[in-house]
Amino acid sequence: MAAQFELAILTPERSVFEGRVEYVEVPGVEGSFGVLAQHAALVTPLGAGVLTVRKPGGEEVRWRVSGGFFEVGEDRATVLADEVSAEPA
């Protein structure tokens, strides 16, 4: 089983997701990048694009974000997005 970390996806109006994940890929302003457990700490702006989360067991969930910020700290990552919507299937 892959190492896990805590992820929160938040907007000014609501909490979209909070839970343990194995991987998250975020749309950075200069391109998408992925984060696994024990990633170095960082804070970076988000671009508009698709946010992909891999939950324990391998299920992937996607949302569309319209910008904001992404923060990684010890065993935790937070997406502070301006807007989040479900990614069409």
C-alpha atoms as a PDB file:
ATOM      1  CA  MET A   1       0.000   0.000   0.000  1.00  0.00           C
ATOM      2  CA  ALA A   2       1.269   3.465  -0.898  1.00  0.00           C
ATOM      3  CA  ALA A   3       1.998   5.965   1.848  1.00  0.00           C
ATOM      4  CA  GLN A   4      -0.898   8.315   2.593  1.00  0.00           C
ATOM      5  CA  PHE A   5      -1.335  11.907   3.711  1.00  0.00           C
ATOM      6  CA  GLU A   6      -4.223  14.172   4.688  1.00  0.00           C
ATOM      7  CA  LEU A   7      -5.763  16.379   1.974  1.00  0.00           C
ATOM      8  CA  ALA A   8      -8.312  19.194   2.288  1.00  0.00           C
ATOM      9  CA  ILE A   9      -9.934  20.848  -0.737  1.00  0.00           C
ATOM     10  CA  LEU A  10     -11.625  24.077   0.326  1.00  0.00           C
ATOM     11  CA  THR A  11     -13.404  27.028  -1.273  1.00  0.00           C
ATOM     12  CA  PRO A  12     -14.545  30.205   0.465  1.00  0.00           C
ATOM     13  CA  GLU A  13     -18.057  28.694   0.671  1.00  0.00           C
ATOM     14  CA  ARG A  14     -17.483  25.024   1.535  1.00  0.00           C
ATOM     15  CA  SER A  15     -15.286  22.042   2.181  1.00  0.00           C
ATOM     16  CA  VAL A  16     -15.224  19.933  -0.997  1.00  0.00           C
ATOM     17  CA  PHE A  17     -13.098  17.035   0.289  1.00  0.00           C
ATOM     18  CA  GLU A  18     -11.205  16.086   3.429  1.00  0.00           C
ATOM     19  CA  GLY A  19      -9.507  12.740   3.900  1.00  0.00           C
ATOM     20  CA  ARG A  20      -6.500  10.489   3.397  1.00  0.00           C
ATOM     21  CA  VAL A  21      -5.056  10.188  -0.109  1.00  0.00           C
ATOM     22  CA  GLU A  22      -2.104   8.522  -1.820  1.00  0.00           C
ATOM     23  CA  TYR A  23      -1.495  11.168  -4.501  1.00  0.00           C
ATOM     24  CA  VAL A  24      -2.721  14.542  -5.697  1.00  0.00           C
ATOM     25  CA  GLU A  25      -1.998  16.275  -9.006  1.00  0.00           C
ATOM     26  CA  VAL A  26      -2.696  20.007  -9.109  1.00  0.00           C
ATOM     27  CA  PRO A  27      -2.709  22.533 -11.957  1.00  0.00           C
ATOM     28  CA  GLY A  28       0.107  24.937 -11.160  1.00  0.00           C
ATOM     29  CA  VAL A  29       0.440  28.262 -12.950  1.00  0.00           C
ATOM     30  CA  GLU A  30       3.411  26.860 -14.908  1.00  0.00           C
ATOM     31  CA  GLY A  31       2.000  23.352 -15.438  1.00  0.00           C
ATOM     32  CA  SER A  32       0.582  20.456 -13.467  1.00  0.00           C
ATOM     33  CA  PHE A  33       2.596  18.651 -10.814  1.00  0.00           C
ATOM     34  CA  GLY A  34       2.039  15.738  -8.474  1.00  0.00           C
ATOM     35  CA  VAL A  35       2.546  15.302  -4.750  1.00  0.00           C
ATOM     36  CA  LEU A  36       3.043  12.093  -2.773  1.00  0.00           C
ATOM     37  CA  ALA A  37       3.352  11.570   0.986  1.00  0.00           C
ATOM     38  CA  GLN A  38       6.425  13.161   2.593  1.00  0.00           C
ATOM     39  CA  HIS A  39       6.731  15.827  -0.115  1.00  0.00           C
ATOM     40  CA  ALA A  40       8.819  18.860   0.776  1.00  0.00           C
ATOM     41  CA  ALA A  41       6.878  21.797   2.184  1.00  0.00           C
ATOM     42  CA  LEU A  42       5.691  24.357  -0.369  1.00  0.00           C
ATOM     43  CA  VAL A  43       3.114  27.037  -1.085  1.00  0.00           C
ATOM     44  CA  THR A  44       2.283  27.850  -4.695  1.00  0.00           C
ATOM     45  CA  PRO A  45      -0.497  29.511  -6.700  1.00  0.00           C
ATOM     46  CA  LEU A  46      -2.902  27.300  -8.658  1.00  0.00           C
ATOM     47  CA  GLY A  47      -3.829  27.787 -12.274  1.00  0.00           C
ATOM     48  CA  ALA A  48      -7.167  26.841 -13.787  1.00  0.00           C
ATOM     49  CA  GLY A  49      -7.397  23.158 -14.642  1.00  0.00           C
ATOM     50  CA  VAL A  50      -8.059  19.657 -13.375  1.00  0.00           C
ATOM     51  CA  LEU A  51      -7.230  18.537  -9.839  1.00  0.00           C
ATOM     52  CA  THR A  52      -6.773  14.750  -9.594  1.00  0.00           C
ATOM     53  CA  VAL A  53      -6.849  12.818  -6.307  1.00  0.00           C
ATOM     54  CA  ARG A  54      -5.967   9.149  -5.857  1.00  0.00           C
ATOM     55  CA  LYS A  55      -7.668   7.710  -2.791  1.00  0.00           C
ATOM     56  CA  PRO A  56      -6.407   4.655  -0.867  1.00  0.00           C
ATOM     57  CA  GLY A  57      -7.204   1.599  -2.970  1.00  0.00           C
ATOM     58  CA  GLY A  58      -6.582   3.395  -6.269  1.00  0.00           C
ATOM     59  CA  GLU A  59      -9.883   5.201  -6.959  1.00  0.00           C
ATOM     60  CA  GLU A  60      -9.257   8.518  -8.736  1.00  0.00           C
ATOM     61  CA  VAL A  61     -11.516  11.552  -8.404  1.00  0.00           C
ATOM     62  CA  ARG A  62     -11.233  14.738 -10.472  1.00  0.00           C
ATOM     63  CA  TRP A  63     -12.450  18.287  -9.979  1.00  0.00           C
ATOM     64  CA  ARG A  64     -12.048  21.416 -12.072  1.00  0.00           C
ATOM     65  CA  VAL A  65     -10.506  24.347 -10.177  1.00  0.00           C
ATOM     66  CA  SER A  66     -10.310  27.977 -11.249  1.00  0.00           C
ATOM     67  CA  GLY A  67      -7.229  29.091  -9.370  1.00  0.00           C
ATOM     68  CA  GLY A  68      -6.255  29.642  -5.766  1.00  0.00           C
ATOM     69  CA  PHE A  69      -3.368  28.286  -3.685  1.00  0.00           C
ATOM     70  CA  PHE A  70      -1.858  24.906  -2.823  1.00  0.00           C
ATOM     71  CA  GLU A  71       0.050  24.260   0.390  1.00  0.00           C
ATOM     72  CA  VAL A  72       1.985  21.177   1.474  1.00  0.00           C
ATOM     73  CA  GLY A  73       3.203  20.696   5.036  1.00  0.00           C
ATOM     74  CA  GLU A  74       4.036  17.786   7.268  1.00  0.00           C
ATOM     75  CA  ASP A  75       1.684  14.894   6.342  1.00  0.00           C
ATOM     76  CA  ARG A  76      -0.935  17.367   5.046  1.00  0.00           C
ATOM     77  CA  ALA A  77      -1.817  19.233   1.853  1.00  0.00           C
ATOM     78  CA  THR A  78      -4.459  21.924   1.379  1.00  0.00           C
ATOM     79  CA  VAL A  79      -6.067  23.235  -1.793  1.00  0.00           C
ATOM     80  CA  LEU A  80      -7.587  26.691  -1.272  1.00  0.00           C
ATOM     81  CA  ALA A  81      -9.499  27.131  -4.526  1.00  0.00           C
ATOM     82  CA  ASP A  82     -11.506  30.086  -5.790  1.00  0.00           C
ATOM     83  CA  GLU A  83     -14.061  27.687  -7.291  1.00  0.00           C
ATOM     84  CA  VAL A  84     -14.331  23.881  -7.549  1.00  0.00           C
ATOM     85  CA  SER A  85     -16.712  21.925  -9.759  1.00  0.00           C
ATOM     86  CA  ALA A  86     -17.116  18.259 -10.608  1.00  0.00           C
ATOM     87  CA  GLU A  87     -15.100  17.144 -13.609  1.00  0.00           C
ATOM     88  CA  PRO A  88     -17.406  15.796 -16.352  1.00  0.00           C
ATOM     89  CA  ALA A  89     -17.143  12.034 -16.911  1.00  0.00           C
END
